[in-house]
């Protein structure tokens, strides 16, 4: 596998505005390069682990995506370990139906990892994958399927239950940043999962557990805007720290006391 250096630091800071006709001219360049080099170039990765396919998706160069996927279909599978798999990334950026079909044909759902299925929102496929293969897996950041479910508030209860039953100790697993699934659930506002985690002690330390930055789930829920509101949401009804927040109300000057006293 080749390793590419990022041609510009701007590529890591967001999507650059592209001039009219950029798709056509970029496609011509990509096709010319593919005709001269081996197909491995299409699947090469840069310092951040991104392939040309991923960059083309981010910059919405849909005709280039088609050429690159055709030249190196395995590049789509290679992105499974990324924070956002290519299928989900393309959907986020408004890819054409033709591009979405090409991505799925290059890397069918039955070949995707459980974590990638969850990140793409393929809920039924994810549930079936848990039943067939279990949920004992981690990504490159040591996140388990339960961590990833916690990052998606719309994950169905059926999937959450299946993942927890398959790996009960997943609630105690910390990722490389020291986050338990409960930390992610608190930040993302995944109430259904947080309730189930807290009923089972929430993992090592429960509601008082601190991540690598010293933050508790309560503090993360506050910063995520999932706790303080006029109707005293369900977060305030869960556990001792949630009750303390309900008592403090809207006094934002005391938020740090909640997470660090």
C-alpha atoms as a PDB file:
ATOM      1  CA  UNK A   1       0.000   0.000   0.000  1.00  0.00           C
ATOM      2  CA  UNK A   2       1.296   3.444  -0.872  1.00  0.00           C
ATOM      3  CA  UNK A   3       1.395   6.272   1.662  1.00  0.00           C
ATOM      4  CA  UNK A   4       0.658   9.735   0.352  1.00  0.00           C
ATOM      5  CA  UNK A   5       1.478  13.066   1.933  1.00  0.00           C
ATOM      6  CA  UNK A   6      -1.385  15.554   2.033  1.00  0.00           C
ATOM      7  CA  UNK A   7      -0.772  18.016  -0.845  1.00  0.00           C
ATOM      8  CA  UNK A   8      -2.144  20.871   1.249  1.00  0.00           C
ATOM      9  CA  UNK A   9      -2.917  21.480   4.899  1.00  0.00           C
ATOM     10  CA  UNK A  10      -6.163  23.070   3.700  1.00  0.00           C
ATOM     11  CA  UNK A  11      -7.519  19.599   2.993  1.00  0.00           C
ATOM     12  CA  UNK A  12      -7.651  18.892   6.702  1.00  0.00           C
ATOM     13  CA  UNK A  13      -9.483  22.059   7.663  1.00  0.00           C
ATOM     14  CA  UNK A  14     -12.741  21.616   5.753  1.00  0.00           C
ATOM     15  CA  UNK A  15     -14.267  21.474   2.301  1.00  0.00           C
ATOM     16  CA  UNK A  16     -12.735  23.913  -0.156  1.00  0.00           C
ATOM     17  CA  UNK A  17     -15.011  25.838  -2.519  1.00  0.00           C
ATOM     18  CA  UNK A  18     -14.673  24.446  -6.044  1.00  0.00           C
ATOM     19  CA  UNK A  19     -15.101  26.493  -9.226  1.00  0.00           C
ATOM     20  CA  UNK A  20     -17.700  25.689 -11.854  1.00  0.00           C
ATOM     21  CA  UNK A  21     -16.639  22.786 -14.051  1.00  0.00           C
ATOM     22  CA  UNK A  22     -14.334  21.387 -11.377  1.00  0.00           C
ATOM     23  CA  UNK A  23     -15.952  17.944 -11.630  1.00  0.00           C
ATOM     24  CA  UNK A  24     -15.197  17.703 -15.335  1.00  0.00           C
ATOM     25  CA  UNK A  25     -11.602  18.916 -15.142  1.00  0.00           C
ATOM     26  CA  UNK A  26     -10.845  16.844 -12.043  1.00  0.00           C
ATOM     27  CA  UNK A  27     -12.293  13.753 -13.715  1.00  0.00           C
ATOM     28  CA  UNK A  28      -9.985  14.261 -16.684  1.00  0.00           C
ATOM     29  CA  UNK A  29      -6.932  14.494 -14.412  1.00  0.00           C
ATOM     30  CA  UNK A  30      -7.983  11.459 -12.359  1.00  0.00           C
ATOM     31  CA  UNK A  31      -8.589   9.385 -15.491  1.00  0.00           C
ATOM     32  CA  UNK A  32      -5.203  10.412 -16.881  1.00  0.00           C
ATOM     33  CA  UNK A  33      -3.443   9.393 -13.655  1.00  0.00           C
ATOM     34  CA  UNK A  34      -5.280   6.089 -13.488  1.00  0.00           C
ATOM     35  CA  UNK A  35      -4.287   5.280 -17.054  1.00  0.00           C
ATOM     36  CA  UNK A  36      -0.607   5.774 -16.228  1.00  0.00           C
ATOM     37  CA  UNK A  37      -0.372   4.307 -12.736  1.00  0.00           C
ATOM     38  CA  UNK A  38      -1.362   1.058 -11.085  1.00  0.00           C
ATOM     39  CA  UNK A  39      -4.814   0.773  -9.543  1.00  0.00           C
ATOM     40  CA  UNK A  40      -3.189   0.781  -6.080  1.00  0.00           C
ATOM     41  CA  UNK A  41      -2.785   4.540  -6.422  1.00  0.00           C
ATOM     42  CA  UNK A  42      -6.570   4.891  -6.226  1.00  0.00           C
ATOM     43  CA  UNK A  43      -6.524   3.102  -2.899  1.00  0.00           C
ATOM     44  CA  UNK A  44      -3.450   4.783  -1.414  1.00  0.00           C
ATOM     45  CA  UNK A  45      -3.732   6.587   1.911  1.00  0.00           C
ATOM     46  CA  UNK A  46      -2.349   9.905   3.119  1.00  0.00           C
ATOM     47  CA  UNK A  47      -0.955  10.740   6.568  1.00  0.00           C
ATOM     48  CA  UNK A  48      -4.477  10.909   7.995  1.00  0.00           C
ATOM     49  CA  UNK A  49      -5.529   7.553   6.546  1.00  0.00           C
ATOM     50  CA  UNK A  50      -7.711   9.041   3.791  1.00  0.00           C
ATOM     51  CA  UNK A  51      -7.903   7.606   0.279  1.00  0.00           C
ATOM     52  CA  UNK A  52      -8.435   9.607  -2.945  1.00  0.00           C
ATOM     53  CA  UNK A  53     -11.983   8.232  -2.955  1.00  0.00           C
ATOM     54  CA  UNK A  54     -12.710   9.764   0.448  1.00  0.00           C
ATOM     55  CA  UNK A  55     -11.296  13.142  -0.584  1.00  0.00           C
ATOM     56  CA  UNK A  56     -13.333  13.083  -3.793  1.00  0.00           C
ATOM     57  CA  UNK A  57     -16.473  12.392  -1.736  1.00  0.00           C
ATOM     58  CA  UNK A  58     -15.713  15.228   0.701  1.00  0.00           C
ATOM     59  CA  UNK A  59     -15.230  17.658  -2.181  1.00  0.00           C
ATOM     60  CA  UNK A  60     -18.296  16.301  -3.980  1.00  0.00           C
ATOM     61  CA  UNK A  61     -16.391  15.301  -7.128  1.00  0.00           C
ATOM     62  CA  UNK A  62     -18.916  12.625  -7.972  1.00  0.00           C
ATOM     63  CA  UNK A  63     -17.625  11.699 -11.417  1.00  0.00           C
ATOM     64  CA  UNK A  64     -14.154  11.232  -9.897  1.00  0.00           C
ATOM     65  CA  UNK A  65     -15.641   9.004  -7.196  1.00  0.00           C
ATOM     66  CA  UNK A  66     -17.067   6.737  -9.892  1.00  0.00           C
ATOM     67  CA  UNK A  67     -13.682   6.422 -11.646  1.00  0.00           C
ATOM     68  CA  UNK A  68     -11.785   5.794  -8.413  1.00  0.00           C
ATOM     69  CA  UNK A  69     -14.247   3.195  -7.111  1.00  0.00           C
ATOM     70  CA  UNK A  70     -14.116   1.369 -10.426  1.00  0.00           C
ATOM     71  CA  UNK A  71     -10.302   1.392 -10.354  1.00  0.00           C
ATOM     72  CA  UNK A  72     -10.006   0.256  -6.732  1.00  0.00           C
ATOM     73  CA  UNK A  73     -13.235  -1.095  -5.180  1.00  0.00           C
ATOM     74  CA  UNK A  74     -11.391  -2.229  -2.055  1.00  0.00           C
ATOM     75  CA  UNK A  75     -10.714   1.424  -1.186  1.00  0.00           C
ATOM     76  CA  UNK A  76     -14.367   1.634  -0.124  1.00  0.00           C
ATOM     77  CA  UNK A  77     -13.924  -1.246   2.322  1.00  0.00           C
ATOM     78  CA  UNK A  78     -10.667   0.270   3.539  1.00  0.00           C
ATOM     79  CA  UNK A  79     -12.622   3.254   4.846  1.00  0.00           C
ATOM     80  CA  UNK A  80     -14.722   1.098   7.191  1.00  0.00           C
ATOM     81  CA  UNK A  81     -12.420   1.957  10.089  1.00  0.00           C
ATOM     82  CA  UNK A  82     -12.770   5.706   9.531  1.00  0.00           C
ATOM     83  CA  UNK A  83     -14.932   7.897  11.751  1.00  0.00           C
ATOM     84  CA  UNK A  84     -17.518   8.049   8.952  1.00  0.00           C
ATOM     85  CA  UNK A  85     -17.590   5.196   6.380  1.00  0.00           C
ATOM     86  CA  UNK A  86     -17.722   6.280   2.732  1.00  0.00           C
ATOM     87  CA  UNK A  87     -21.386   5.419   2.244  1.00  0.00           C
ATOM     88  CA  UNK A  88     -22.442   7.602   5.171  1.00  0.00           C
ATOM     89  CA  UNK A  89     -20.013  10.335   4.127  1.00  0.00           C
ATOM     90  CA  UNK A  90     -21.411  10.386   0.588  1.00  0.00           C
ATOM     91  CA  UNK A  91     -24.978  10.552   1.873  1.00  0.00           C
ATOM     92  CA  UNK A  92     -24.015  13.443   4.156  1.00  0.00           C
ATOM     93  CA  UNK A  93     -22.589  15.391   1.197  1.00  0.00           C
ATOM     94  CA  UNK A  94     -25.580  14.761  -1.063  1.00  0.00           C
ATOM     95  CA  UNK A  95     -24.099  12.201  -3.458  1.00  0.00           C
ATOM     96  CA  UNK A  96     -26.012  11.227  -6.563  1.00  0.00           C
ATOM     97  CA  UNK A  97     -27.992   7.998  -6.598  1.00  0.00           C
ATOM     98  CA  UNK A  98     -25.503   6.582  -9.091  1.00  0.00           C
ATOM     99  CA  UNK A  99     -22.592   7.214  -6.718  1.00  0.00           C
ATOM    100  CA  UNK A 100     -24.445   5.712  -3.762  1.00  0.00           C
ATOM    101  CA  UNK A 101     -25.157   2.595  -5.798  1.00  0.00           C
ATOM    102  CA  UNK A 102     -21.519   2.322  -6.906  1.00  0.00           C
ATOM    103  CA  UNK A 103     -20.294   2.564  -3.311  1.00  0.00           C
ATOM    104  CA  UNK A 104     -22.698  -0.104  -2.087  1.00  0.00           C
ATOM    105  CA  UNK A 105     -21.866  -2.439  -4.967  1.00  0.00           C
ATOM    106  CA  UNK A 106     -18.149  -2.040  -4.268  1.00  0.00           C
ATOM    107  CA  UNK A 107     -18.639  -2.875  -0.608  1.00  0.00           C
ATOM    108  CA  UNK A 108     -21.963  -4.665   0.072  1.00  0.00           C
ATOM    109  CA  UNK A 109     -23.552  -4.387   3.509  1.00  0.00           C
ATOM    110  CA  UNK A 110     -22.952  -8.053   4.241  1.00  0.00           C
ATOM    111  CA  UNK A 111     -19.206  -7.378   4.016  1.00  0.00           C
ATOM    112  CA  UNK A 112     -19.222  -4.287   6.252  1.00  0.00           C
ATOM    113  CA  UNK A 113     -18.071  -4.391   9.844  1.00  0.00           C
ATOM    114  CA  UNK A 114     -20.680  -4.089  12.589  1.00  0.00           C
ATOM    115  CA  UNK A 115     -19.297  -0.690  13.616  1.00  0.00           C
ATOM    116  CA  UNK A 116     -19.499   0.584  10.028  1.00  0.00           C
ATOM    117  CA  UNK A 117     -23.104  -0.630   9.741  1.00  0.00           C
ATOM    118  CA  UNK A 118     -24.032   1.298  12.883  1.00  0.00           C
ATOM    119  CA  UNK A 119     -22.284   4.434  11.659  1.00  0.00           C
ATOM    120  CA  UNK A 120     -24.171   4.224   8.366  1.00  0.00           C
ATOM    121  CA  UNK A 121     -27.503   3.787  10.126  1.00  0.00           C
ATOM    122  CA  UNK A 122     -28.111   0.333   8.641  1.00  0.00           C
ATOM    123  CA  UNK A 123     -29.994  -0.716  11.771  1.00  0.00           C
ATOM    124  CA  UNK A 124     -31.553  -3.994  10.632  1.00  0.00           C
ATOM    125  CA  UNK A 125     -28.284  -5.138   9.063  1.00  0.00           C
ATOM    126  CA  UNK A 126     -26.477  -4.222  12.280  1.00  0.00           C
ATOM    127  CA  UNK A 127     -28.913  -6.216  14.421  1.00  0.00           C
ATOM    128  CA  UNK A 128     -28.501  -9.233  12.142  1.00  0.00           C
ATOM    129  CA  UNK A 129     -24.712  -8.851  12.287  1.00  0.00           C
ATOM    130  CA  UNK A 130     -24.801  -8.891  16.099  1.00  0.00           C
ATOM    131  CA  UNK A 131     -26.924 -12.037  16.098  1.00  0.00           C
ATOM    132  CA  UNK A 132     -24.646 -13.787  13.614  1.00  0.00           C
ATOM    133  CA  UNK A 133     -21.200 -12.563  14.698  1.00  0.00           C
ATOM    134  CA  UNK A 134     -21.572 -11.021  18.142  1.00  0.00           C
ATOM    135  CA  UNK A 135     -20.455  -7.550  19.206  1.00  0.00           C
ATOM    136  CA  UNK A 136     -16.904  -8.227  20.411  1.00  0.00           C
ATOM    137  CA  UNK A 137     -15.025  -5.791  18.186  1.00  0.00           C
ATOM    138  CA  UNK A 138     -13.242  -2.434  18.344  1.00  0.00           C
ATOM    139  CA  UNK A 139     -12.221   0.209  15.825  1.00  0.00           C
ATOM    140  CA  UNK A 140      -8.837   1.929  15.599  1.00  0.00           C
ATOM    141  CA  UNK A 141      -9.815   4.224  18.482  1.00  0.00           C
ATOM    142  CA  UNK A 142     -10.752   1.263  20.676  1.00  0.00           C
ATOM    143  CA  UNK A 143     -14.449   2.092  20.393  1.00  0.00           C
ATOM    144  CA  UNK A 144     -16.791  -0.862  20.723  1.00  0.00           C
ATOM    145  CA  UNK A 145     -20.165  -1.213  18.964  1.00  0.00           C
ATOM    146  CA  UNK A 146     -21.739   0.037  22.212  1.00  0.00           C
ATOM    147  CA  UNK A 147     -19.593   3.191  22.074  1.00  0.00           C
ATOM    148  CA  UNK A 148     -20.752   3.808  18.508  1.00  0.00           C
ATOM    149  CA  UNK A 149     -24.419   3.186  19.398  1.00  0.00           C
ATOM    150  CA  UNK A 150     -24.000   5.770  22.153  1.00  0.00           C
ATOM    151  CA  UNK A 151     -22.824   8.310  19.570  1.00  0.00           C
ATOM    152  CA  UNK A 152     -26.049   7.866  17.576  1.00  0.00           C
ATOM    153  CA  UNK A 153     -29.150   8.952  19.536  1.00  0.00           C
ATOM    154  CA  UNK A 154     -31.373   7.467  16.834  1.00  0.00           C
ATOM    155  CA  UNK A 155     -29.994   3.943  17.300  1.00  0.00           C
ATOM    156  CA  UNK A 156     -33.029   1.690  17.908  1.00  0.00           C
ATOM    157  CA  UNK A 157     -33.576   0.040  21.268  1.00  0.00           C
ATOM    158  CA  UNK A 158     -33.506  -3.383  19.599  1.00  0.00           C
ATOM    159  CA  UNK A 159     -29.921  -2.826  18.468  1.00  0.00           C
ATOM    160  CA  UNK A 160     -28.847  -1.462  21.857  1.00  0.00           C
ATOM    161  CA  UNK A 161     -30.304  -4.490  23.633  1.00  0.00           C
ATOM    162  CA  UNK A 162     -28.695  -6.913  21.170  1.00  0.00           C
ATOM    163  CA  UNK A 163     -25.249  -5.299  21.551  1.00  0.00           C
ATOM    164  CA  UNK A 164     -25.457  -5.228  25.360  1.00  0.00           C
ATOM    165  CA  UNK A 165     -26.602  -8.843  25.570  1.00  0.00           C
ATOM    166  CA  UNK A 166     -23.845  -9.957  23.223  1.00  0.00           C
ATOM    167  CA  UNK A 167     -21.111  -8.202  25.230  1.00  0.00           C
ATOM    168  CA  UNK A 168     -22.342  -7.229  28.722  1.00  0.00           C
ATOM    169  CA  UNK A 169     -18.904  -5.971  29.760  1.00  0.00           C
ATOM    170  CA  UNK A 170     -18.758  -3.487  26.872  1.00  0.00           C
ATOM    171  CA  UNK A 171     -20.146  -0.840  29.247  1.00  0.00           C
ATOM    172  CA  UNK A 172     -16.819  -1.018  31.121  1.00  0.00           C
ATOM    173  CA  UNK A 173     -14.650  -0.611  28.032  1.00  0.00           C
ATOM    174  CA  UNK A 174     -12.850   2.698  27.571  1.00  0.00           C
ATOM    175  CA  UNK A 175     -11.728   4.007  24.197  1.00  0.00           C
ATOM    176  CA  UNK A 176      -8.305   5.568  23.631  1.00  0.00           C
ATOM    177  CA  UNK A 177      -9.561   8.897  24.980  1.00  0.00           C
ATOM    178  CA  UNK A 178     -10.715   7.231  28.199  1.00  0.00           C
ATOM    179  CA  UNK A 179     -14.425   7.503  27.337  1.00  0.00           C
ATOM    180  CA  UNK A 180     -16.942   4.902  28.445  1.00  0.00           C
ATOM    181  CA  UNK A 181     -20.067   4.371  26.322  1.00  0.00           C
ATOM    182  CA  UNK A 182     -21.909   6.389  28.988  1.00  0.00           C
ATOM    183  CA  UNK A 183     -19.726   9.442  28.275  1.00  0.00           C
ATOM    184  CA  UNK A 184     -20.636   9.302  24.577  1.00  0.00           C
ATOM    185  CA  UNK A 185     -24.316   8.763  25.371  1.00  0.00           C
ATOM    186  CA  UNK A 186     -24.322  11.797  27.643  1.00  0.00           C
ATOM    187  CA  UNK A 187     -22.652  14.045  25.087  1.00  0.00           C
ATOM    188  CA  UNK A 188     -24.832  12.887  22.192  1.00  0.00           C
ATOM    189  CA  UNK A 189     -28.098  12.886  24.126  1.00  0.00           C
ATOM    190  CA  UNK A 190     -28.676   9.154  23.642  1.00  0.00           C
ATOM    191  CA  UNK A 191     -31.182   8.947  26.492  1.00  0.00           C
ATOM    192  CA  UNK A 192     -32.459   5.403  25.865  1.00  0.00           C
ATOM    193  CA  UNK A 193     -28.954   3.954  25.976  1.00  0.00           C
ATOM    194  CA  UNK A 194     -27.896   6.084  28.961  1.00  0.00           C
ATOM    195  CA  UNK A 195     -30.887   4.892  30.971  1.00  0.00           C
ATOM    196  CA  UNK A 196     -29.982   1.262  30.321  1.00  0.00           C
ATOM    197  CA  UNK A 197     -26.329   1.847  31.142  1.00  0.00           C
ATOM    198  CA  UNK A 198     -27.150   3.575  34.432  1.00  0.00           C
ATOM    199  CA  UNK A 199     -29.536   0.814  35.445  1.00  0.00           C
ATOM    200  CA  UNK A 200     -26.593  -1.529  35.004  1.00  0.00           C
ATOM    201  CA  UNK A 201     -24.181   0.812  36.875  1.00  0.00           C
ATOM    202  CA  UNK A 202     -23.099   2.666  33.725  1.00  0.00           C
ATOM    203  CA  UNK A 203     -19.724   0.988  33.525  1.00  0.00           C
ATOM    204  CA  UNK A 204     -16.668   1.541  35.714  1.00  0.00           C
ATOM    205  CA  UNK A 205     -17.539   4.389  38.059  1.00  0.00           C
ATOM    206  CA  UNK A 206     -21.090   4.827  36.808  1.00  0.00           C
ATOM    207  CA  UNK A 207     -22.412   8.382  36.638  1.00  0.00           C
ATOM    208  CA  UNK A 208     -19.303   9.667  38.419  1.00  0.00           C
ATOM    209  CA  UNK A 209     -16.804   8.140  35.976  1.00  0.00           C
ATOM    210  CA  UNK A 210     -14.323  10.564  34.440  1.00  0.00           C
ATOM    211  CA  UNK A 211     -12.932  10.361  30.927  1.00  0.00           C
ATOM    212  CA  UNK A 212      -9.368  11.141  29.886  1.00  0.00           C
ATOM    213  CA  UNK A 213     -10.049  14.865  30.234  1.00  0.00           C
ATOM    214  CA  UNK A 214     -11.515  14.483  33.710  1.00  0.00           C
ATOM    215  CA  UNK A 215     -15.115  15.094  32.590  1.00  0.00           C
ATOM    216  CA  UNK A 216     -18.075  13.173  34.022  1.00  0.00           C
ATOM    217  CA  UNK A 217     -21.101  12.129  31.942  1.00  0.00           C
ATOM    218  CA  UNK A 218     -23.060  14.859  33.719  1.00  0.00           C
ATOM    219  CA  UNK A 219     -20.729  17.615  32.560  1.00  0.00           C
ATOM    220  CA  UNK A 220     -20.736  16.264  28.992  1.00  0.00           C
ATOM    221  CA  UNK A 221     -24.529  16.175  28.989  1.00  0.00           C
ATOM    222  CA  UNK A 222     -24.578  19.813  30.107  1.00  0.00           C
ATOM    223  CA  UNK A 223     -22.193  20.931  27.417  1.00  0.00           C
ATOM    224  CA  UNK A 224     -24.146  18.954  24.837  1.00  0.00           C
ATOM    225  CA  UNK A 225     -27.297  20.866  25.754  1.00  0.00           C
ATOM    226  CA  UNK A 226     -29.158  17.707  26.773  1.00  0.00           C
ATOM    227  CA  UNK A 227     -29.935  18.539  30.383  1.00  0.00           C
ATOM    228  CA  UNK A 228     -31.012  22.055  31.228  1.00  0.00           C
ATOM    229  CA  UNK A 229     -34.409  23.008  29.842  1.00  0.00           C
ATOM    230  CA  UNK A 230     -37.711  24.350  31.077  1.00  0.00           C
ATOM    231  CA  UNK A 231     -39.403  20.979  31.097  1.00  0.00           C
ATOM    232  CA  UNK A 232     -36.695  19.274  33.186  1.00  0.00           C
ATOM    233  CA  UNK A 233     -35.902  16.545  30.649  1.00  0.00           C
ATOM    234  CA  UNK A 234     -35.410  12.882  31.403  1.00  0.00           C
ATOM    235  CA  UNK A 235     -31.682  13.383  31.961  1.00  0.00           C
ATOM    236  CA  UNK A 236     -32.483  15.185  35.227  1.00  0.00           C
ATOM    237  CA  UNK A 237     -34.359  12.131  36.475  1.00  0.00           C
ATOM    238  CA  UNK A 238     -31.477   9.704  36.107  1.00  0.00           C
ATOM    239  CA  UNK A 239     -29.025   9.129  38.923  1.00  0.00           C
ATOM    240  CA  UNK A 240     -27.664  11.343  41.655  1.00  0.00           C
ATOM    241  CA  UNK A 241     -25.767  13.801  39.447  1.00  0.00           C
ATOM    242  CA  UNK A 242     -28.803  14.283  37.194  1.00  0.00           C
ATOM    243  CA  UNK A 243     -30.871  15.145  40.291  1.00  0.00           C
ATOM    244  CA  UNK A 244     -28.247  17.630  41.401  1.00  0.00           C
ATOM    245  CA  UNK A 245     -28.446  19.328  38.039  1.00  0.00           C
ATOM    246  CA  UNK A 246     -32.228  19.640  38.317  1.00  0.00           C
ATOM    247  CA  UNK A 247     -31.756  21.331  41.672  1.00  0.00           C
ATOM    248  CA  UNK A 248     -29.174  23.766  40.352  1.00  0.00           C
ATOM    249  CA  UNK A 249     -31.352  24.650  37.364  1.00  0.00           C
ATOM    250  CA  UNK A 250     -29.907  27.175  34.944  1.00  0.00           C
ATOM    251  CA  UNK A 251     -26.951  28.350  36.995  1.00  0.00           C
ATOM    252  CA  UNK A 252     -24.302  27.788  34.315  1.00  0.00           C
ATOM    253  CA  UNK A 253     -21.575  29.238  36.559  1.00  0.00           C
ATOM    254  CA  UNK A 254     -21.735  26.048  38.646  1.00  0.00           C
ATOM    255  CA  UNK A 255     -21.461  23.526  35.808  1.00  0.00           C
ATOM    256  CA  UNK A 256     -17.782  22.940  36.429  1.00  0.00           C
ATOM    257  CA  UNK A 257     -18.504  22.155  40.072  1.00  0.00           C
ATOM    258  CA  UNK A 258     -20.811  19.345  38.993  1.00  0.00           C
ATOM    259  CA  UNK A 259     -18.171  17.604  36.920  1.00  0.00           C
ATOM    260  CA  UNK A 260     -15.080  18.256  38.990  1.00  0.00           C
ATOM    261  CA  UNK A 261     -15.924  18.622  42.701  1.00  0.00           C
END
